[in-house]
Amino acid sequence: MQHSHYDMETRRNSTCPVERTLFILRDVWTFMILRDLCEDSRGFNQLKKSVDGISSRMLSEKLKFLEEEEILDRRVSDSRPVRVTYSLTNKGKSLSAVVDSMRNWGETWITASAENCDN
């Protein structure tokens, strides 16, 4: 289901904390990226490999969005070849409790599916 531009802008600017949070954390890709970055900083290819099924384009879009929302930080090295590393900001680190709660809920209530999770 496609959302109109108006719907997305309304949610982006909402004063409701739940609606605003859902706007930022709205899909499985975002949670999988957060899951991995809660563990440690990662490069683009590391994230691509661990977030099963995500395309390079989608990963790039999600990383850019999370950077704009100040959830993650993008660092470019001066080395050759250039390396880009992503890590959580303090704002992003505060979401680790959300990720941990989801993991714990899944382990308790969806044990068969939790066995398939790498993290």
N, C-alpha and C. Protein backbone atom coordinates (compact mmCIF):
# COMPACT_ATOMS: atom_id res chain seq x y z
N MET A 1 0.83 -1.17 0.00
CA MET A 1 0.00 0.00 0.00
C MET A 1 0.88 1.24 0.00
N GLN A 2 0.70 2.10 -0.94
CA GLN A 2 1.47 3.34 -1.05
C GLN A 2 0.83 4.42 -0.19
N HIS A 3 1.68 5.19 0.48
CA HIS A 3 1.19 6.32 1.24
C HIS A 3 1.43 7.58 0.43
N SER A 4 0.53 8.50 0.54
CA SER A 4 0.69 9.76 -0.17
C SER A 4 1.78 10.58 0.49
N HIS A 5 2.31 11.53 -0.26
CA HIS A 5 3.31 12.45 0.27
C HIS A 5 2.76 13.16 1.50
N TYR A 6 1.49 13.53 1.45
CA TYR A 6 0.86 14.21 2.58
C TYR A 6 0.89 13.34 3.82
N ASP A 7 0.55 12.06 3.69
CA ASP A 7 0.56 11.16 4.84
C ASP A 7 1.94 11.09 5.48
N MET A 8 2.97 10.97 4.64
CA MET A 8 4.33 10.87 5.16
C MET A 8 4.76 12.17 5.83
N GLU A 9 4.45 13.29 5.25
CA GLU A 9 4.82 14.57 5.85
C GLU A 9 4.04 14.81 7.15
N THR A 10 2.79 14.38 7.18
CA THR A 10 2.00 14.51 8.40
C THR A 10 2.64 13.70 9.51
N ARG A 11 3.06 12.48 9.21
CA ARG A 11 3.69 11.63 10.21
C ARG A 11 5.05 12.17 10.61
N ARG A 12 5.81 12.68 9.66
CA ARG A 12 7.14 13.23 9.95
C ARG A 12 7.03 14.40 10.94
N ASN A 13 5.99 15.18 10.82
CA ASN A 13 5.83 16.38 11.64
C ASN A 13 4.87 16.20 12.81
N SER A 14 4.44 14.99 13.05
CA SER A 14 3.48 14.72 14.11
C SER A 14 4.05 15.11 15.47
N THR A 15 3.16 15.55 16.35
CA THR A 15 3.56 15.82 17.73
C THR A 15 3.31 14.61 18.63
N CYS A 16 2.69 13.57 18.07
CA CYS A 16 2.45 12.33 18.82
C CYS A 16 3.74 11.51 18.85
N PRO A 17 4.28 11.21 20.03
CA PRO A 17 5.54 10.47 20.08
C PRO A 17 5.47 9.08 19.46
N VAL A 18 4.34 8.40 19.60
CA VAL A 18 4.21 7.06 19.01
C VAL A 18 4.21 7.16 17.49
N GLU A 19 3.43 8.07 16.95
CA GLU A 19 3.36 8.23 15.49
C GLU A 19 4.71 8.64 14.92
N ARG A 20 5.40 9.55 15.57
CA ARG A 20 6.71 10.01 15.10
C ARG A 20 7.73 8.87 15.16
N THR A 21 7.70 8.09 16.23
CA THR A 21 8.60 6.94 16.35
C THR A 21 8.32 5.92 15.26
N LEU A 22 7.04 5.65 15.01
CA LEU A 22 6.69 4.71 13.95
C LEU A 22 7.11 5.22 12.58
N PHE A 23 7.07 6.53 12.39
CA PHE A 23 7.54 7.10 11.13
C PHE A 23 9.02 6.77 10.92
N ILE A 24 9.81 6.87 11.96
CA ILE A 24 11.25 6.61 11.85
C ILE A 24 11.53 5.11 11.76
N LEU A 25 10.88 4.30 12.58
CA LEU A 25 11.16 2.87 12.68
C LEU A 25 10.11 2.04 11.96
N ARG A 26 9.76 2.42 10.76
CA ARG A 26 8.57 1.91 10.11
C ARG A 26 8.69 0.59 9.37
N ASP A 27 9.87 0.01 9.28
CA ASP A 27 9.96 -1.22 8.48
C ASP A 27 11.00 -2.20 9.01
N VAL A 28 10.95 -3.39 8.49
CA VAL A 28 11.85 -4.46 8.94
C VAL A 28 13.31 -4.12 8.64
N TRP A 29 13.58 -3.46 7.51
CA TRP A 29 14.97 -3.15 7.17
C TRP A 29 15.60 -2.26 8.23
N THR A 30 14.85 -1.27 8.69
CA THR A 30 15.37 -0.35 9.71
C THR A 30 15.73 -1.12 10.97
N PHE A 31 14.87 -2.02 11.39
CA PHE A 31 15.15 -2.78 12.61
C PHE A 31 16.33 -3.72 12.43
N MET A 32 16.49 -4.30 11.24
CA MET A 32 17.62 -5.19 11.01
C MET A 32 18.95 -4.41 11.02
N ILE A 33 18.93 -3.21 10.47
CA ILE A 33 20.12 -2.35 10.50
C ILE A 33 20.43 -1.98 11.95
N LEU A 34 19.41 -1.57 12.70
CA LEU A 34 19.61 -1.24 14.11
C LEU A 34 20.12 -2.43 14.89
N ARG A 35 19.55 -3.60 14.64
CA ARG A 35 19.99 -4.82 15.32
C ARG A 35 21.49 -5.00 15.16
N ASP A 36 21.98 -4.84 13.93
CA ASP A 36 23.41 -5.05 13.66
C ASP A 36 24.27 -3.95 14.25
N LEU A 37 23.82 -2.71 14.15
CA LEU A 37 24.62 -1.59 14.66
C LEU A 37 24.61 -1.51 16.18
N CYS A 38 23.64 -2.15 16.84
CA CYS A 38 23.67 -2.23 18.29
C CYS A 38 24.85 -3.07 18.77
N GLU A 39 25.29 -3.99 17.93
CA GLU A 39 26.43 -4.84 18.26
C GLU A 39 27.75 -4.10 18.10
N ASP A 40 27.90 -3.37 16.99
CA ASP A 40 29.17 -2.70 16.70
C ASP A 40 29.03 -1.89 15.41
N SER A 41 29.99 -1.02 15.17
CA SER A 41 30.04 -0.28 13.90
C SER A 41 30.20 -1.27 12.76
N ARG A 42 29.65 -0.92 11.61
CA ARG A 42 29.73 -1.81 10.45
C ARG A 42 29.92 -0.99 9.19
N GLY A 43 30.54 -1.63 8.21
CA GLY A 43 30.65 -1.05 6.89
C GLY A 43 29.44 -1.41 6.05
N PHE A 44 29.29 -0.75 4.91
CA PHE A 44 28.15 -0.98 4.03
C PHE A 44 28.05 -2.46 3.65
N ASN A 45 29.15 -3.04 3.20
CA ASN A 45 29.12 -4.44 2.76
C ASN A 45 28.82 -5.40 3.90
N GLN A 46 29.29 -5.09 5.10
CA GLN A 46 28.96 -5.93 6.25
C GLN A 46 27.46 -5.90 6.52
N LEU A 47 26.89 -4.71 6.45
CA LEU A 47 25.44 -4.59 6.65
C LEU A 47 24.68 -5.30 5.55
N LYS A 48 25.11 -5.13 4.32
CA LYS A 48 24.45 -5.77 3.17
C LYS A 48 24.42 -7.28 3.34
N LYS A 49 25.52 -7.81 3.82
CA LYS A 49 25.63 -9.26 4.00
C LYS A 49 24.74 -9.76 5.14
N SER A 50 24.64 -9.00 6.22
CA SER A 50 23.90 -9.48 7.38
C SER A 50 22.41 -9.18 7.33
N VAL A 51 22.00 -8.17 6.57
CA VAL A 51 20.57 -7.85 6.43
C VAL A 51 20.06 -8.61 5.20
N ASP A 52 19.68 -9.83 5.44
CA ASP A 52 19.32 -10.76 4.37
C ASP A 52 18.20 -10.22 3.48
N GLY A 53 18.45 -10.17 2.18
CA GLY A 53 17.43 -9.81 1.21
C GLY A 53 17.36 -8.34 0.84
N ILE A 54 18.10 -7.48 1.52
CA ILE A 54 18.03 -6.05 1.22
C ILE A 54 18.89 -5.74 -0.01
N SER A 55 18.38 -4.91 -0.89
CA SER A 55 19.16 -4.50 -2.06
C SER A 55 20.12 -3.39 -1.66
N SER A 56 21.16 -3.20 -2.44
CA SER A 56 22.12 -2.12 -2.17
C SER A 56 21.42 -0.76 -2.17
N ARG A 57 20.52 -0.58 -3.10
CA ARG A 57 19.80 0.70 -3.19
C ARG A 57 18.95 0.95 -1.95
N MET A 58 18.22 -0.07 -1.50
CA MET A 58 17.38 0.07 -0.32
C MET A 58 18.23 0.31 0.93
N LEU A 59 19.34 -0.41 1.06
CA LEU A 59 20.23 -0.22 2.20
C LEU A 59 20.77 1.21 2.21
N SER A 60 21.18 1.68 1.06
CA SER A 60 21.69 3.04 0.94
C SER A 60 20.63 4.06 1.35
N GLU A 61 19.39 3.87 0.91
CA GLU A 61 18.29 4.78 1.27
C GLU A 61 18.03 4.76 2.77
N LYS A 62 18.01 3.57 3.35
CA LYS A 62 17.74 3.45 4.79
C LYS A 62 18.85 4.09 5.61
N LEU A 63 20.09 3.87 5.21
CA LEU A 63 21.21 4.46 5.93
C LEU A 63 21.18 5.98 5.85
N LYS A 64 20.87 6.50 4.69
CA LYS A 64 20.78 7.95 4.52
C LYS A 64 19.66 8.51 5.40
N PHE A 65 18.51 7.87 5.40
CA PHE A 65 17.38 8.32 6.22
C PHE A 65 17.75 8.31 7.70
N LEU A 66 18.37 7.23 8.16
CA LEU A 66 18.74 7.12 9.57
C LEU A 66 19.81 8.15 9.95
N GLU A 67 20.66 8.48 9.01
CA GLU A 67 21.65 9.53 9.24
C GLU A 67 20.94 10.89 9.36
N GLU A 68 19.99 11.16 8.49
CA GLU A 68 19.22 12.41 8.54
C GLU A 68 18.45 12.54 9.84
N GLU A 69 17.98 11.42 10.37
CA GLU A 69 17.23 11.40 11.63
C GLU A 69 18.15 11.40 12.84
N GLU A 70 19.46 11.45 12.61
CA GLU A 70 20.48 11.46 13.66
C GLU A 70 20.47 10.20 14.51
N ILE A 71 20.09 9.08 13.88
CA ILE A 71 20.10 7.78 14.53
C ILE A 71 21.48 7.13 14.36
N LEU A 72 22.09 7.37 13.21
CA LEU A 72 23.42 6.82 12.99
C LEU A 72 24.36 7.87 12.44
N ASP A 73 25.63 7.54 12.57
CA ASP A 73 26.70 8.42 12.12
C ASP A 73 27.46 7.71 11.00
N ARG A 74 27.79 8.45 9.97
CA ARG A 74 28.53 7.92 8.82
C ARG A 74 29.93 8.51 8.85
N ARG A 75 30.93 7.64 8.91
CA ARG A 75 32.33 8.09 8.94
C ARG A 75 33.05 7.57 7.71
N VAL A 76 33.77 8.48 7.05
CA VAL A 76 34.56 8.13 5.86
C VAL A 76 36.03 8.22 6.25
N SER A 77 36.77 7.14 6.00
CA SER A 77 38.18 7.12 6.36
C SER A 77 39.02 7.84 5.31
N ASP A 78 40.20 8.25 5.70
CA ASP A 78 41.14 8.89 4.78
C ASP A 78 42.00 7.85 4.06
N SER A 79 41.85 6.60 4.40
CA SER A 79 42.68 5.54 3.83
C SER A 79 42.30 5.22 2.40
N ARG A 80 43.16 4.49 1.74
CA ARG A 80 42.90 3.97 0.39
C ARG A 80 42.86 2.46 0.48
N PRO A 81 41.84 1.80 0.04
CA PRO A 81 40.61 2.40 -0.47
C PRO A 81 39.82 3.07 0.65
N VAL A 82 38.99 4.01 0.26
CA VAL A 82 38.16 4.72 1.23
C VAL A 82 37.19 3.73 1.86
N ARG A 83 37.03 3.83 3.18
CA ARG A 83 36.10 2.97 3.90
C ARG A 83 35.05 3.83 4.57
N VAL A 84 33.82 3.41 4.46
CA VAL A 84 32.71 4.09 5.12
C VAL A 84 32.22 3.18 6.23
N THR A 85 32.10 3.75 7.43
CA THR A 85 31.66 2.99 8.59
C THR A 85 30.44 3.68 9.20
N TYR A 86 29.48 2.88 9.59
CA TYR A 86 28.27 3.38 10.21
C TYR A 86 28.24 2.93 11.67
N SER A 87 27.84 3.85 12.55
CA SER A 87 27.69 3.53 13.96
C SER A 87 26.51 4.32 14.51
N LEU A 88 25.99 3.86 15.63
CA LEU A 88 24.85 4.54 16.24
C LEU A 88 25.30 5.78 16.99
N THR A 89 24.51 6.82 16.90
CA THR A 89 24.70 8.01 17.72
C THR A 89 24.12 7.70 19.11
N ASN A 90 24.24 8.62 20.03
CA ASN A 90 23.61 8.42 21.34
C ASN A 90 22.11 8.23 21.19
N LYS A 91 21.50 8.99 20.29
CA LYS A 91 20.07 8.84 20.02
C LYS A 91 19.79 7.43 19.51
N GLY A 92 20.62 6.94 18.60
CA GLY A 92 20.46 5.59 18.07
C GLY A 92 20.71 4.52 19.11
N LYS A 93 21.73 4.72 19.96
CA LYS A 93 22.03 3.75 21.02
C LYS A 93 20.86 3.59 21.98
N SER A 94 20.11 4.67 22.16
CA SER A 94 18.96 4.58 23.06
C SER A 94 17.89 3.63 22.53
N LEU A 95 17.94 3.32 21.23
CA LEU A 95 16.99 2.37 20.64
C LEU A 95 17.38 0.91 20.90
N SER A 96 18.56 0.68 21.47
CA SER A 96 18.97 -0.70 21.75
C SER A 96 17.99 -1.37 22.72
N ALA A 97 17.39 -0.60 23.61
CA ALA A 97 16.39 -1.16 24.53
C ALA A 97 15.17 -1.66 23.76
N VAL A 98 14.80 -0.95 22.69
CA VAL A 98 13.67 -1.37 21.85
C VAL A 98 14.03 -2.68 21.13
N VAL A 99 15.22 -2.72 20.55
CA VAL A 99 15.68 -3.92 19.84
C VAL A 99 15.77 -5.10 20.81
N ASP A 100 16.34 -4.88 21.99
CA ASP A 100 16.44 -5.95 23.00
C ASP A 100 15.06 -6.43 23.43
N SER A 101 14.12 -5.51 23.60
CA SER A 101 12.76 -5.91 23.99
C SER A 101 12.11 -6.75 22.91
N MET A 102 12.33 -6.37 21.65
CA MET A 102 11.78 -7.16 20.54
C MET A 102 12.41 -8.55 20.50
N ARG A 103 13.73 -8.61 20.71
CA ARG A 103 14.43 -9.90 20.73
C ARG A 103 13.88 -10.78 21.86
N ASN A 104 13.75 -10.21 23.05
CA ASN A 104 13.24 -10.97 24.19
C ASN A 104 11.81 -11.44 23.97
N TRP A 105 10.98 -10.58 23.41
CA TRP A 105 9.60 -10.97 23.12
C TRP A 105 9.58 -12.12 22.12
N GLY A 106 10.40 -12.00 21.07
CA GLY A 106 10.45 -13.05 20.06
C GLY A 106 10.95 -14.36 20.62
N GLU A 107 11.96 -14.30 21.49
CA GLU A 107 12.48 -15.53 22.10
C GLU A 107 11.44 -16.18 22.99
N THR A 108 10.62 -15.37 23.64
CA THR A 108 9.59 -15.90 24.53
C THR A 108 8.38 -16.43 23.78
N TRP A 109 7.91 -15.69 22.80
CA TRP A 109 6.64 -15.99 22.17
C TRP A 109 6.74 -16.57 20.77
N ILE A 110 7.88 -16.44 20.12
CA ILE A 110 8.02 -16.95 18.74
C ILE A 110 9.34 -17.73 18.68
N THR A 111 9.46 -18.73 19.52
CA THR A 111 10.74 -19.43 19.67
C THR A 111 11.22 -20.08 18.38
N ALA A 112 10.33 -20.62 17.57
CA ALA A 112 10.75 -21.27 16.33
C ALA A 112 11.38 -20.27 15.38
N SER A 113 10.82 -19.08 15.28
CA SER A 113 11.38 -18.05 14.42
C SER A 113 12.65 -17.47 14.99
N ALA A 114 12.74 -17.37 16.30
CA ALA A 114 13.93 -16.79 16.92
C ALA A 114 15.16 -17.63 16.66
N GLU A 115 14.99 -18.93 16.46
CA GLU A 115 16.14 -19.80 16.16
C GLU A 115 16.77 -19.46 14.84
N ASN A 116 16.04 -18.82 13.93
CA ASN A 116 16.56 -18.46 12.62
C ASN A 116 17.29 -17.13 12.61
N CYS A 117 17.32 -16.42 13.71
CA CYS A 117 17.92 -15.08 13.80
C CYS A 117 19.41 -15.21 14.12
N ASP A 118 20.24 -14.54 13.34
CA ASP A 118 21.67 -14.59 13.56
C ASP A 118 22.11 -13.80 14.79
N ASN A 119 21.32 -12.82 15.17
CA ASN A 119 21.74 -11.95 16.29
C ASN A 119 20.78 -12.04 17.44
